[in-house]
PDB file of N, CA and C in Angstrom:
ATOM      1  N   MET A   1     104.304  13.523 117.200  1.00  0.00           N
ATOM      2  CA  MET A   1     104.472  14.509 116.117  1.00  0.00           C
ATOM      3  C   MET A   1     104.778  13.775 115.088  1.00  0.00           C
ATOM      4  N   ALA A   2     104.096  14.068 114.122  1.00  0.00           N
ATOM      5  CA  ALA A   2     104.278  13.063 112.570  1.00  0.00           C
ATOM      6  C   ALA A   2     105.117  14.639 111.701  1.00  0.00           C
ATOM      7  N   PHE A   3     105.879  14.070 110.668  1.00  0.00           N
ATOM      8  CA  PHE A   3     106.835  15.017 109.985  1.00  0.00           C
ATOM      9  C   PHE A   3     106.673  14.174 108.552  1.00  0.00           C
ATOM     10  N   ILE A   4     106.577  15.756 107.547  1.00  0.00           N
ATOM     11  CA  ILE A   4     106.581  15.425 106.290  1.00  0.00           C
ATOM     12  C   ILE A   4     107.913  16.125 105.845  1.00  0.00           C
ATOM     13  N   PHE A   5     108.062  15.931 104.961  1.00  0.00           N
ATOM     14  CA  PHE A   5     109.553  16.865 104.324  1.00  0.00           C
ATOM     15  C   PHE A   5     109.063  17.010 102.854  1.00  0.00           C
ATOM     16  N   HIS A   6     109.547  18.208 102.636  1.00  0.00           N
ATOM     17  CA  HIS A   6     109.692  19.135 101.233  1.00  0.00           C
ATOM     18  C   HIS A   6     111.111  19.125 100.811  1.00  0.00           C
ATOM     19  N   ILE A   7     111.248  19.260  99.626  1.00  0.00           N
ATOM     20  CA  ILE A   7     112.858  20.006  99.074  1.00  0.00           C
ATOM     21  C   ILE A   7     112.675  20.985  98.131  1.00  0.00           C
ATOM     22  N   ALA A   8     113.294  22.031  98.625  1.00  0.00           N
ATOM     23  CA  ALA A   8     112.861  23.477  98.031  1.00  0.00           C
ATOM     24  C   ALA A   8     114.668  23.843  97.724  1.00  0.00           C
ATOM     25  N   PRO A   9     114.630  25.022  97.020  1.00  0.00           N
ATOM     26  CA  PRO A   9     115.754  25.783  96.719  1.00  0.00           C
ATOM     27  C   PRO A   9     116.159  26.614  98.162  1.00  0.00           C
ATOM     28  N   ARG A  10     117.372  26.315  98.323  1.00  0.00           N
ATOM     29  CA  ARG A  10     117.611  26.940  99.496  1.00  0.00           C
ATOM     30  C   ARG A  10     117.290  28.492  99.342  1.00  0.00           C
ATOM     31  N   LEU A  11     117.371  29.572  98.494  1.00  0.00           N
ATOM     32  CA  LEU A  11     117.297  30.562  98.454  1.00  0.00           C
ATOM     33  C   LEU A  11     115.669  30.779  98.434  1.00  0.00           C
ATOM     34  N   ASP A  12     114.853  29.777  97.958  1.00  0.00           N
ATOM     35  CA  ASP A  12     113.723  30.083  97.812  1.00  0.00           C
ATOM     36  C   ASP A  12     112.990  29.795  99.376  1.00  0.00           C
ATOM     37  N   TRP A  13     113.921  29.069 100.436  1.00  0.00           N
ATOM     38  CA  TRP A  13     113.023  28.555 101.663  1.00  0.00           C
ATOM     39  C   TRP A  13     113.764  30.222 102.449  1.00  0.00           C
ATOM     40  N   GLU A  14     115.105  30.542 102.260  1.00  0.00           N
ATOM     41  CA  GLU A  14     115.470  31.554 102.798  1.00  0.00           C
ATOM     42  C   GLU A  14     114.774  32.732 102.883  1.00  0.00           C
ATOM     43  N   ALA A  15     114.096  33.151 101.683  1.00  0.00           N
ATOM     44  CA  ALA A  15     113.349  34.164 101.360  1.00  0.00           C
ATOM     45  C   ALA A  15     111.459  33.913 102.047  1.00  0.00           C
ATOM     46  N   ALA A  16     111.758  32.617 102.051  1.00  0.00           N
ATOM     47  CA  ALA A  16     110.039  32.572 102.585  1.00  0.00           C
ATOM     48  C   ALA A  16     110.430  32.528 104.155  1.00  0.00           C
ATOM     49  N   ASN A  17     111.378  31.857 104.976  1.00  0.00           N
ATOM     50  CA  ASN A  17     111.244  31.845 106.344  1.00  0.00           C
ATOM     51  C   ASN A  17     111.515  33.584 106.819  1.00  0.00           C
ATOM     52  N   GLN A  18     112.103  34.411 105.949  1.00  0.00           N
ATOM     53  CA  GLN A  18     112.154  35.796 106.230  1.00  0.00           C
ATOM     54  C   GLN A  18     110.542  36.496 106.282  1.00  0.00           C
ATOM     55  N   ALA A  19     109.706  35.663 105.242  1.00  0.00           N
ATOM     56  CA  ALA A  19     108.425  36.474 105.364  1.00  0.00           C
ATOM     57  C   ALA A  19     107.355  35.650 106.400  1.00  0.00           C
ATOM     58  N   GLY A  20     107.804  34.634 106.736  1.00  0.00           N
ATOM     59  CA  GLY A  20     106.991  33.864 107.576  1.00  0.00           C
ATOM     60  C   GLY A  20     106.121  32.686 106.933  1.00  0.00           C
ATOM     61  N   GLU A  21     106.345  32.459 105.630  1.00  0.00           N
ATOM     62  CA  GLU A  21     105.550  31.368 105.100  1.00  0.00           C
ATOM     63  C   GLU A  21     106.216  30.993 103.906  1.00  0.00           C
ATOM     64  N   TYR A  22     105.932  29.734 102.966  1.00  0.00           N
ATOM     65  CA  TYR A  22     107.061  29.369 101.940  1.00  0.00           C
ATOM     66  C   TYR A  22     105.579  29.170 101.140  1.00  0.00           C
ATOM     67  N   ARG A  23     105.812  29.145  99.494  1.00  0.00           N
ATOM     68  CA  ARG A  23     104.801  28.847  98.721  1.00  0.00           C
ATOM     69  C   ARG A  23     105.755  28.321  97.756  1.00  0.00           C
ATOM     70  N   ALA A  24     105.430  27.051  97.525  1.00  0.00           N
ATOM     71  CA  ALA A  24     106.287  26.533  96.385  1.00  0.00           C
ATOM     72  C   ALA A  24     105.151  26.813  94.868  1.00  0.00           C
ATOM     73  N   ALA A  25     106.195  26.566  93.891  1.00  0.00           N
ATOM     74  CA  ALA A  25     105.088  27.143  92.419  1.00  0.00           C
ATOM     75  C   ALA A  25     104.058  26.095  92.239  1.00  0.00           C
ATOM     76  N   SER A  26     104.075  24.977  92.750  1.00  0.00           N
ATOM     77  CA  SER A  26     102.839  24.252  92.723  1.00  0.00           C
ATOM     78  C   SER A  26     101.632  24.394  93.398  1.00  0.00           C
ATOM     79  N   LEU A  27     102.008  25.398  94.328  1.00  0.00           N
ATOM     80  CA  LEU A  27     100.701  25.781  94.792  1.00  0.00           C
ATOM     81  C   LEU A  27      99.326  26.825  94.271  1.00  0.00           C
ATOM     82  N   GLU A  28     100.137  27.459  93.009  1.00  0.00           N
ATOM     83  CA  GLU A  28      99.659  28.227  91.951  1.00  0.00           C
ATOM     84  C   GLU A  28      98.968  26.994  90.810  1.00  0.00           C
ATOM     85  N   THR A  29     100.115  26.352  90.497  1.00  0.00           N
ATOM     86  CA  THR A  29      99.741  25.702  89.227  1.00  0.00           C
ATOM     87  C   THR A  29      98.820  24.310  89.539  1.00  0.00           C
ATOM     88  N   GLU A  30      99.118  23.940  90.785  1.00  0.00           N
ATOM     89  CA  GLU A  30      98.348  22.564  91.108  1.00  0.00           C
ATOM     90  C   GLU A  30      97.325  22.905  92.118  1.00  0.00           C
ATOM     91  N   GLY A  31      97.746  23.849  93.014  1.00  0.00           N
ATOM     92  CA  GLY A  31      96.676  23.929  94.321  1.00  0.00           C
ATOM     93  C   GLY A  31      97.341  23.278  95.532  1.00  0.00           C
ATOM     94  N   PHE A  32      98.446  23.001  95.407  1.00  0.00           N
ATOM     95  CA  PHE A  32      99.017  22.346  96.691  1.00  0.00           C
ATOM     96  C   PHE A  32     100.865  22.140  96.907  1.00  0.00           C
ATOM     97  N   ILE A  33     101.081  21.947  97.582  1.00  0.00           N
ATOM     98  CA  ILE A  33     102.737  21.710  97.528  1.00  0.00           C
ATOM     99  C   ILE A  33     102.718  20.437  98.164  1.00  0.00           C
ATOM    100  N   HIS A  34     103.649  19.714  97.036  1.00  0.00           N
ATOM    101  CA  HIS A  34     103.946  18.253  97.258  1.00  0.00           C
ATOM    102  C   HIS A  34     104.797  18.276  98.326  1.00  0.00           C
ATOM    103  N   CYS A  35     104.901  17.076  99.105  1.00  0.00           N
ATOM    104  CA  CYS A  35     105.631  16.692  99.991  1.00  0.00           C
ATOM    105  C   CYS A  35     105.874  15.501 100.069  1.00  0.00           C
ATOM    106  N   SER A  36     106.620  14.691 100.940  1.00  0.00           N
ATOM    107  CA  SER A  36     107.065  13.462 101.154  1.00  0.00           C
ATOM    108  C   SER A  36     106.737  12.877 102.485  1.00  0.00           C
ATOM    109  N   THR A  37     106.716  11.865 102.760  1.00  0.00           N
ATOM    110  CA  THR A  37     107.431  10.762 104.329  1.00  0.00           C
ATOM    111  C   THR A  37     108.790  10.411 103.973  1.00  0.00           C
ATOM    112  N   SER A  38     109.115   9.824 105.242  1.00  0.00           N
ATOM    113  CA  SER A  38     110.351   9.949 105.104  1.00  0.00           C
ATOM    114  C   SER A  38     110.713   8.760 104.261  1.00  0.00           C
ATOM    115  N   ASP A  39     109.878   7.747 104.231  1.00  0.00           N
ATOM    116  CA  ASP A  39     109.959   6.278 103.087  1.00  0.00           C
ATOM    117  C   ASP A  39     109.620   6.898 101.716  1.00  0.00           C
ATOM    118  N   GLN A  40     109.161   8.097 101.443  1.00  0.00           N
ATOM    119  CA  GLN A  40     109.087   8.327  99.992  1.00  0.00           C
ATOM    120  C   GLN A  40     110.494   9.142  99.884  1.00  0.00           C
ATOM    121  N   LEU A  41     110.961   9.927 100.570  1.00  0.00           N
ATOM    122  CA  LEU A  41     111.955  11.069 100.362  1.00  0.00           C
ATOM    123  C   LEU A  41     112.858  11.011  99.335  1.00  0.00           C
ATOM    124  N   LEU A  42     113.763   9.765  99.401  1.00  0.00           N
ATOM    125  CA  LEU A  42     115.098   9.542  98.553  1.00  0.00           C
ATOM    126  C   LEU A  42     114.267   9.091  97.296  1.00  0.00           C
ATOM    127  N   ALA A  43     113.143   8.610  97.119  1.00  0.00           N
ATOM    128  CA  ALA A  43     113.073   8.260  95.809  1.00  0.00           C
ATOM    129  C   ALA A  43     112.446   9.731  95.032  1.00  0.00           C
ATOM    130  N   VAL A  44     111.771  10.501  95.791  1.00  0.00           N
ATOM    131  CA  VAL A  44     111.315  11.603  95.145  1.00  0.00           C
ATOM    132  C   VAL A  44     112.505  12.361  94.761  1.00  0.00           C
ATOM    133  N   ALA A  45     113.429  12.482  95.936  1.00  0.00           N
ATOM    134  CA  ALA A  45     114.638  13.301  95.093  1.00  0.00           C
ATOM    135  C   ALA A  45     115.515  12.871  94.111  1.00  0.00           C
ATOM    136  N   ASN A  46     115.551  11.424  94.268  1.00  0.00           N
ATOM    137  CA  ASN A  46     116.570  11.047  92.791  1.00  0.00           C
ATOM    138  C   ASN A  46     115.708  10.812  91.900  1.00  0.00           C
ATOM    139  N   ARG A  47     114.499  10.875  92.064  1.00  0.00           N
ATOM    140  CA  ARG A  47     113.603  11.214  90.302  1.00  0.00           C
ATOM    141  C   ARG A  47     113.564  12.544  90.079  1.00  0.00           C
ATOM    142  N   PHE A  48     113.230  13.366  91.087  1.00  0.00           N
ATOM    143  CA  PHE A  48     112.661  14.793  90.185  1.00  0.00           C
ATOM    144  C   PHE A  48     113.982  15.921  90.481  1.00  0.00           C
ATOM    145  N   TYR A  49     115.273  15.603  91.487  1.00  0.00           N
ATOM    146  CA  TYR A  49     116.236  16.621  91.588  1.00  0.00           C
ATOM    147  C   TYR A  49     117.439  15.932  91.437  1.00  0.00           C
ATOM    148  N   HIS A  50     117.584  15.152  90.890  1.00  0.00           N
ATOM    149  CA  HIS A  50     118.909  14.075  90.232  1.00  0.00           C
ATOM    150  C   HIS A  50     120.026  15.188  90.025  1.00  0.00           C
ATOM    151  N   GLY A  51     120.924  15.186  90.684  1.00  0.00           N
ATOM    152  CA  GLY A  51     122.150  16.472  90.522  1.00  0.00           C
ATOM    153  C   GLY A  51     122.243  17.390  90.912  1.00  0.00           C
ATOM    154  N   GLN A  52     121.023  18.033  91.466  1.00  0.00           N
ATOM    155  CA  GLN A  52     120.435  19.434  91.726  1.00  0.00           C
ATOM    156  C   GLN A  52     121.347  19.781  93.214  1.00  0.00           C
ATOM    157  N   GLN A  53     121.663  20.906  92.728  1.00  0.00           N
ATOM    158  CA  GLN A  53     122.564  21.992  94.068  1.00  0.00           C
ATOM    159  C   GLN A  53     121.781  22.847  94.554  1.00  0.00           C
ATOM    160  N   GLY A  54     122.053  23.348  96.039  1.00  0.00           N
ATOM    161  CA  GLY A  54     121.457  24.361  96.143  1.00  0.00           C
ATOM    162  C   GLY A  54     119.956  24.240  96.821  1.00  0.00           C
ATOM    163  N   LEU A  55     119.892  23.001  97.277  1.00  0.00           N
ATOM    164  CA  LEU A  55     118.738  22.626  97.897  1.00  0.00           C
ATOM    165  C   LEU A  55     118.696  22.531  99.467  1.00  0.00           C
ATOM    166  N   VAL A  56     117.335  22.559 100.009  1.00  0.00           N
ATOM    167  CA  VAL A  56     117.365  22.262 101.565  1.00  0.00           C
ATOM    168  C   VAL A  56     116.171  20.959 101.635  1.00  0.00           C
ATOM    169  N   MET A  57     116.404  20.501 102.506  1.00  0.00           N
ATOM    170  CA  MET A  57     115.176  19.249 102.696  1.00  0.00           C
ATOM    171  C   MET A  57     114.604  19.998 104.151  1.00  0.00           C
ATOM    172  N   LEU A  58     113.061  20.612 103.925  1.00  0.00           N
ATOM    173  CA  LEU A  58     112.332  21.067 105.026  1.00  0.00           C
ATOM    174  C   LEU A  58     111.778  19.817 105.800  1.00  0.00           C
ATOM    175  N   CYS A  59     112.006  19.676 106.955  1.00  0.00           N
ATOM    176  CA  CYS A  59     111.505  18.861 107.966  1.00  0.00           C
ATOM    177  C   CYS A  59     110.353  19.686 108.477  1.00  0.00           C
ATOM    178  N   ILE A  60     108.863  19.253 108.015  1.00  0.00           N
ATOM    179  CA  ILE A  60     107.891  19.949 108.745  1.00  0.00           C
ATOM    180  C   ILE A  60     107.086  19.170 109.548  1.00  0.00           C
ATOM    181  N   ASP A  61     106.561  19.759 110.777  1.00  0.00           N
ATOM    182  CA  ASP A  61     105.678  18.942 111.777  1.00  0.00           C
ATOM    183  C   ASP A  61     104.483  19.008 111.340  1.00  0.00           C
ATOM    184  N   ILE A  62     103.465  18.026 110.833  1.00  0.00           N
ATOM    185  CA  ILE A  62     102.289  18.260 110.654  1.00  0.00           C
ATOM    186  C   ILE A  62     101.419  18.789 111.730  1.00  0.00           C
ATOM    187  N   ASP A  63     101.600  18.896 112.723  1.00  0.00           N
ATOM    188  CA  ASP A  63     100.792  19.399 113.924  1.00  0.00           C
ATOM    189  C   ASP A  63     100.561  20.692 113.713  1.00  0.00           C
ATOM    190  N   GLN A  64     102.166  21.446 113.289  1.00  0.00           N
ATOM    191  CA  GLN A  64     102.125  22.622 113.482  1.00  0.00           C
ATOM    192  C   GLN A  64     101.642  23.579 112.256  1.00  0.00           C
ATOM    193  N   LEU A  65     101.419  22.558 110.943  1.00  0.00           N
ATOM    194  CA  LEU A  65     100.862  23.152 109.911  1.00  0.00           C
ATOM    195  C   LEU A  65      99.645  24.249 110.150  1.00  0.00           C
ATOM    196  N   GLN A  66      99.676  25.326 109.379  1.00  0.00           N
ATOM    197  CA  GLN A  66      98.002  26.079 109.525  1.00  0.00           C
ATOM    198  C   GLN A  66      97.429  25.744 108.288  1.00  0.00           C
ATOM    199  N   SER A  67      97.802  25.042 107.241  1.00  0.00           N
ATOM    200  CA  SER A  67      97.322  24.582 106.374  1.00  0.00           C
ATOM    201  C   SER A  67      97.079  23.064 106.015  1.00  0.00           C
ATOM    202  N   GLU A  68      95.754  22.879 105.259  1.00  0.00           N
ATOM    203  CA  GLU A  68      95.283  21.333 105.488  1.00  0.00           C
ATOM    204  C   GLU A  68      96.551  20.366 104.501  1.00  0.00           C
ATOM    205  N   CYS A  69      96.607  19.464 105.384  1.00  0.00           N
ATOM    206  CA  CYS A  69      97.570  18.414 104.422  1.00  0.00           C
ATOM    207  C   CYS A  69      96.427  17.136 104.325  1.00  0.00           C
ATOM    208  N   ARG A  70      96.779  16.799 103.310  1.00  0.00           N
ATOM    209  CA  ARG A  70      95.867  15.601 102.773  1.00  0.00           C
ATOM    210  C   ARG A  70      97.080  14.637 102.181  1.00  0.00           C
ATOM    211  N   PHE A  71      96.549  13.339 102.664  1.00  0.00           N
ATOM    212  CA  PHE A  71      97.756  12.164 101.869  1.00  0.00           C
ATOM    213  C   PHE A  71      96.842  11.594 100.615  1.00  0.00           C
ATOM    214  N   GLU A  72      97.307  11.711  99.438  1.00  0.00           N
ATOM    215  CA  GLU A  72      96.691  11.517  98.063  1.00  0.00           C
ATOM    216  C   GLU A  72      97.168  10.741  97.448  1.00  0.00           C
ATOM    217  N   PRO A  73      97.038   9.671  96.965  1.00  0.00           N
ATOM    218  CA  PRO A  73      97.731   8.882  95.783  1.00  0.00           C
ATOM    219  C   PRO A  73      98.363   9.376  94.831  1.00  0.00           C
ATOM    220  N   ALA A  74      99.377   9.051  94.636  1.00  0.00           N
ATOM    221  CA  ALA A  74     100.432   9.470  93.277  1.00  0.00           C
ATOM    222  C   ALA A  74      99.087   9.311  91.914  1.00  0.00           C
ATOM    223  N   THR A  75      99.864  10.072  91.049  1.00  0.00           N
ATOM    224  CA  THR A  75      98.857  10.213  89.776  1.00  0.00           C
ATOM    225  C   THR A  75      99.761   8.730  88.875  1.00  0.00           C
ATOM    226  N   GLU A  76     101.118   8.636  89.305  1.00  0.00           N
ATOM    227  CA  GLU A  76     101.468   7.591  88.670  1.00  0.00           C
ATOM    228  C   GLU A  76     102.432   6.846  89.625  1.00  0.00           C
ATOM    229  N   PRO A  77     102.834   5.698  89.630  1.00  0.00           N
ATOM    230  CA  PRO A  77     103.667   4.789  90.963  1.00  0.00           C
ATOM    231  C   PRO A  77     104.899   5.546  90.464  1.00  0.00           C
ATOM    232  N   LEU A  78     105.771   5.344  91.711  1.00  0.00           N
ATOM    233  CA  LEU A  78     106.912   6.091  91.859  1.00  0.00           C
ATOM    234  C   LEU A  78     107.547   4.992  92.582  1.00  0.00           C
ATOM    235  N   PRO A  79     108.702   4.181  91.394  1.00  0.00           N
ATOM    236  CA  PRO A  79     109.501   3.260  91.821  1.00  0.00           C
ATOM    237  C   PRO A  79     110.637   3.693  93.042  1.00  0.00           C
ATOM    238  N   GLY A  80     110.375   2.964  93.911  1.00  0.00           N
ATOM    239  CA  GLY A  80     111.354   3.069  95.113  1.00  0.00           C
ATOM    240  C   GLY A  80     110.503   3.615  96.421  1.00  0.00           C
ATOM    241  N   ALA A  81     109.348   4.315  96.116  1.00  0.00           N
ATOM    242  CA  ALA A  81     108.329   4.642  97.152  1.00  0.00           C
ATOM    243  C   ALA A  81     107.810   3.824  97.923  1.00  0.00           C
ATOM    244  N   ALA A  82     107.886   3.809  99.438  1.00  0.00           N
ATOM    245  CA  ALA A  82     106.883   2.975 100.318  1.00  0.00           C
ATOM    246  C   ALA A  82     105.656   2.854 100.095  1.00  0.00           C
ATOM    247  N   SER A  83     105.202   4.122  99.693  1.00  0.00           N
ATOM    248  CA  SER A  83     103.749   3.901  99.851  1.00  0.00           C
ATOM    249  C   SER A  83     103.364   4.835  98.806  1.00  0.00           C
ATOM    250  N   SER A  84     102.047   4.496  98.024  1.00  0.00           N
ATOM    251  CA  SER A  84     101.705   5.605  97.103  1.00  0.00           C
ATOM    252  C   SER A  84     101.216   6.690  97.393  1.00  0.00           C
ATOM    253  N   ASP A  85     100.895   7.218  98.274  1.00  0.00           N
ATOM    254  CA  ASP A  85     100.043   7.998  99.064  1.00  0.00           C
ATOM    255  C   ASP A  85     100.842   9.101  99.439  1.00  0.00           C
ATOM    256  N   PHE A  86     100.911  10.224  99.347  1.00  0.00           N
ATOM    257  CA  PHE A  86     101.951  11.071  99.050  1.00  0.00           C
ATOM    258  C   PHE A  86     100.999  12.550 100.369  1.00  0.00           C
ATOM    259  N   PRO A  87     101.873  13.024 101.131  1.00  0.00           N
ATOM    260  CA  PRO A  87     101.271  14.327 101.514  1.00  0.00           C
ATOM    261  C   PRO A  87     101.276  15.656 100.750  1.00  0.00           C
ATOM    262  N   HIS A  88     100.046  15.954 100.748  1.00  0.00           N
ATOM    263  CA  HIS A  88     100.094  17.281  99.604  1.00  0.00           C
ATOM    264  C   HIS A  88      99.230  18.465 100.865  1.00  0.00           C
ATOM    265  N   VAL A  89     100.007  19.539 100.764  1.00  0.00           N
ATOM    266  CA  VAL A  89      99.579  20.930 101.504  1.00  0.00           C
ATOM    267  C   VAL A  89      99.180  21.953 100.552  1.00  0.00           C
ATOM    268  N   TYR A  90      97.652  21.957 101.261  1.00  0.00           N
ATOM    269  CA  TYR A  90      96.601  23.005 100.598  1.00  0.00           C
ATOM    270  C   TYR A  90      96.455  24.052 100.865  1.00  0.00           C
ATOM    271  N   GLY A  91      97.842  24.757 100.953  1.00  0.00           N
ATOM    272  CA  GLY A  91      98.482  26.430 101.168  1.00  0.00           C
ATOM    273  C   GLY A  91      99.415  26.446 101.487  1.00  0.00           C
ATOM    274  N   PRO A  92     100.097  27.711 102.058  1.00  0.00           N
ATOM    275  CA  PRO A  92     101.522  27.876 102.077  1.00  0.00           C
ATOM    276  C   PRO A  92     101.800  27.256 103.484  1.00  0.00           C
ATOM    277  N   ILE A  93     103.013  27.040 103.644  1.00  0.00           N
ATOM    278  CA  ILE A  93     103.648  26.205 104.843  1.00  0.00           C
ATOM    279  C   ILE A  93     104.137  27.282 105.719  1.00  0.00           C
ATOM    280  N   ASN A  94     103.725  27.291 106.710  1.00  0.00           N
ATOM    281  CA  ASN A  94     103.989  28.394 107.798  1.00  0.00           C
ATOM    282  C   ASN A  94     105.451  27.895 108.176  1.00  0.00           C
ATOM    283  N   ALA A  95     106.128  28.994 108.245  1.00  0.00           N
ATOM    284  CA  ALA A  95     107.509  28.753 108.529  1.00  0.00           C
ATOM    285  C   ALA A  95     107.706  28.063 110.002  1.00  0.00           C
ATOM    286  N   ASN A  96     106.951  28.040 111.019  1.00  0.00           N
ATOM    287  CA  ASN A  96     107.080  27.961 112.208  1.00  0.00           C
ATOM    288  C   ASN A  96     106.927  26.519 112.237  1.00  0.00           C
ATOM    289  N   ALA A  97     106.218  25.752 111.209  1.00  0.00           N
ATOM    290  CA  ALA A  97     106.081  24.630 111.240  1.00  0.00           C
ATOM    291  C   ALA A  97     107.297  23.946 110.596  1.00  0.00           C
ATOM    292  N   VAL A  98     108.079  24.248 110.075  1.00  0.00           N
ATOM    293  CA  VAL A  98     109.431  23.844 109.635  1.00  0.00           C
ATOM    294  C   VAL A  98     110.621  23.616 110.907  1.00  0.00           C
ATOM    295  N   VAL A  99     110.634  22.550 111.350  1.00  0.00           N
ATOM    296  CA  VAL A  99     111.210  22.153 112.573  1.00  0.00           C
ATOM    297  C   VAL A  99     112.825  22.337 112.294  1.00  0.00           C
ATOM    298  N   LYS A 100     112.956  21.798 111.094  1.00  0.00           N
ATOM    299  CA  LYS A 100     114.563  22.194 110.444  1.00  0.00           C
ATOM    300  C   LYS A 100     114.747  21.850 108.811  1.00  0.00           C
ATOM    301  N   ALA A 101     115.663  22.823 108.454  1.00  0.00           N
ATOM    302  CA  ALA A 101     116.281  23.190 106.974  1.00  0.00           C
ATOM    303  C   ALA A 101     117.691  22.663 106.770  1.00  0.00           C
ATOM    304  N   LEU A 102     117.627  20.996 106.307  1.00  0.00           N
ATOM    305  CA  LEU A 102     118.892  20.456 106.455  1.00  0.00           C
ATOM    306  C   LEU A 102     119.286  20.686 104.952  1.00  0.00           C
ATOM    307  N   SER A 103     120.792  20.677 104.613  1.00  0.00           N
ATOM    308  CA  SER A 103     121.643  21.098 103.287  1.00  0.00           C
ATOM    309  C   SER A 103     120.958  19.932 102.730  1.00  0.00           C
ATOM    310  N   PHE A 104     120.887  19.515 101.255  1.00  0.00           N
ATOM    311  CA  PHE A 104     120.332  18.429 100.868  1.00  0.00           C
ATOM    312  C   PHE A 104     121.185  18.307  99.298  1.00  0.00           C
ATOM    313  N   THR A 105     122.272  17.567  99.498  1.00  0.00           N
ATOM    314  CA  THR A 105     123.306  17.860  98.388  1.00  0.00           C
ATOM    315  C   THR A 105     123.396  16.157  97.875  1.00  0.00           C
ATOM    316  N   PRO A 106     123.467  16.631  96.804  1.00  0.00           N
ATOM    317  CA  PRO A 106     123.657  14.796  95.976  1.00  0.00           C
ATOM    318  C   PRO A 106     125.171  14.595  96.149  1.00  0.00           C
ATOM    319  N   GLY A 107     125.386  13.459  95.993  1.00  0.00           N
ATOM    320  CA  GLY A 107     126.558  12.949  96.056  1.00  0.00           C
ATOM    321  C   GLY A 107     127.173  13.112  94.644  1.00  0.00           C
ATOM    322  N   PRO A 108     128.657  12.508  94.438  1.00  0.00           N
ATOM    323  CA  PRO A 108     129.461  12.912  93.217  1.00  0.00           C
ATOM    324  C   PRO A 108     128.332  12.259  92.058  1.00  0.00           C
ATOM    325  N   ASP A 109     127.572  11.161  92.275  1.00  0.00           N
ATOM    326  CA  ASP A 109     127.017  10.485  91.281  1.00  0.00           C
ATOM    327  C   ASP A 109     125.595  11.265  90.741  1.00  0.00           C
ATOM    328  N   GLY A 110     125.437  12.044  91.459  1.00  0.00           N
ATOM    329  CA  GLY A 110     123.981  13.001  91.380  1.00  0.00           C
ATOM    330  C   GLY A 110     122.881  12.582  92.174  1.00  0.00           C
ATOM    331  N   ARG A 111     123.054  10.983  92.799  1.00  0.00           N
ATOM    332  CA  ARG A 111     122.093  10.685  93.944  1.00  0.00           C
ATOM    333  C   ARG A 111     122.039  11.178  95.099  1.00  0.00           C
ATOM    334  N   PHE A 112     121.022  11.277  95.740  1.00  0.00           N
ATOM    335  CA  PHE A 112     120.951  11.643  97.104  1.00  0.00           C
ATOM    336  C   PHE A 112     120.789  10.783  98.253  1.00  0.00           C
ATOM    337  N   LEU A 113     121.102  11.011  99.346  1.00  0.00           N
ATOM    338  CA  LEU A 113     121.474  10.163 100.761  1.00  0.00           C
ATOM    339  C   LEU A 113     120.550  11.027 101.392  1.00  0.00           C
ATOM    340  N   VAL A 114     119.586  10.442 102.506  1.00  0.00           N
ATOM    341  CA  VAL A 114     119.433  11.059 103.784  1.00  0.00           C
ATOM    342  C   VAL A 114     120.126  11.310 104.384  1.00  0.00           C
ATOM    343  N   PRO A 115     120.442  12.555 104.965  1.00  0.00           N
ATOM    344  CA  PRO A 115     121.755  13.156 106.237  1.00  0.00           C
ATOM    345  C   PRO A 115     121.444  12.491 107.331  1.00  0.00           C
ATOM    346  N   GLY A 116     122.539  11.772 107.459  1.00  0.00           N
ATOM    347  CA  GLY A 116     122.667  10.854 109.065  1.00  0.00           C
ATOM    348  C   GLY A 116     122.374   9.317 108.744  1.00  0.00           C
ATOM    349  N   ARG A 117     121.475   9.222 107.375  1.00  0.00           N
ATOM    350  CA  ARG A 117     121.078   7.844 107.094  1.00  0.00           C
ATOM    351  C   ARG A 117     119.634   7.624 107.683  1.00  0.00           C
ATOM    352  N   THR A 118     119.629   8.163 108.919  1.00  0.00           N
ATOM    353  CA  THR A 118     117.984   8.305 109.418  1.00  0.00           C
ATOM    354  C   THR A 118     117.442   9.724 109.659  1.00  0.00           C
ATOM    355  N   VAL A 119     115.925   9.673 109.344  1.00  0.00           N
ATOM    356  CA  VAL A 119     115.663  11.108 109.359  1.00  0.00           C
ATOM    357  C   VAL A 119     114.642  10.946 110.947  1.00  0.00           C
ATOM    358  N   ARG A 120     115.070  11.596 111.868  1.00  0.00           N
ATOM    359  CA  ARG A 120     114.402  11.422 113.099  1.00  0.00           C
ATOM    360  C   ARG A 120     114.100  12.758 113.807  1.00  0.00           C
ATOM    361  N   PHE A 121     113.298  13.208 114.306  1.00  0.00           N
ATOM    362  CA  PHE A 121     113.196  14.477 115.164  1.00  0.00           C
ATOM    363  C   PHE A 121     112.441  14.219 116.256  1.00  0.00           C
ATOM    364  N   GLY A 122     112.450  15.279 117.156  1.00  0.00           N
ATOM    365  CA  GLY A 122     111.627  15.267 117.993  1.00  0.00           C
ATOM    366  C   GLY A 122     112.099  14.704 119.645  1.00  0.00           C
TER     367      GLY A 122
END
């Protein structure tokens, strides 16, 4: 099993989970949903979600995705990301591909840490 991660507002995930699929706004505006590998997750969270509350980290099993997932280069480098190729999901994320949805809350300084310091599933 291979996992990718997506940060989402909790309320959006709860509604999507009930509907059976998740659609980020970027699916309509860019044609795909931005995701991260475990080595990219913190760099993404701290750059784009610094200090935001009410988030969840979706842990997605690539093998269970019904939509295509492609690893593609970022349009600009992301400092702290181990790789410049990011997973992009070209379609909705089916809810049953999400094996866990973890509360994702920043620390007092607004920065994120991965829950439990290590992300392992399976």
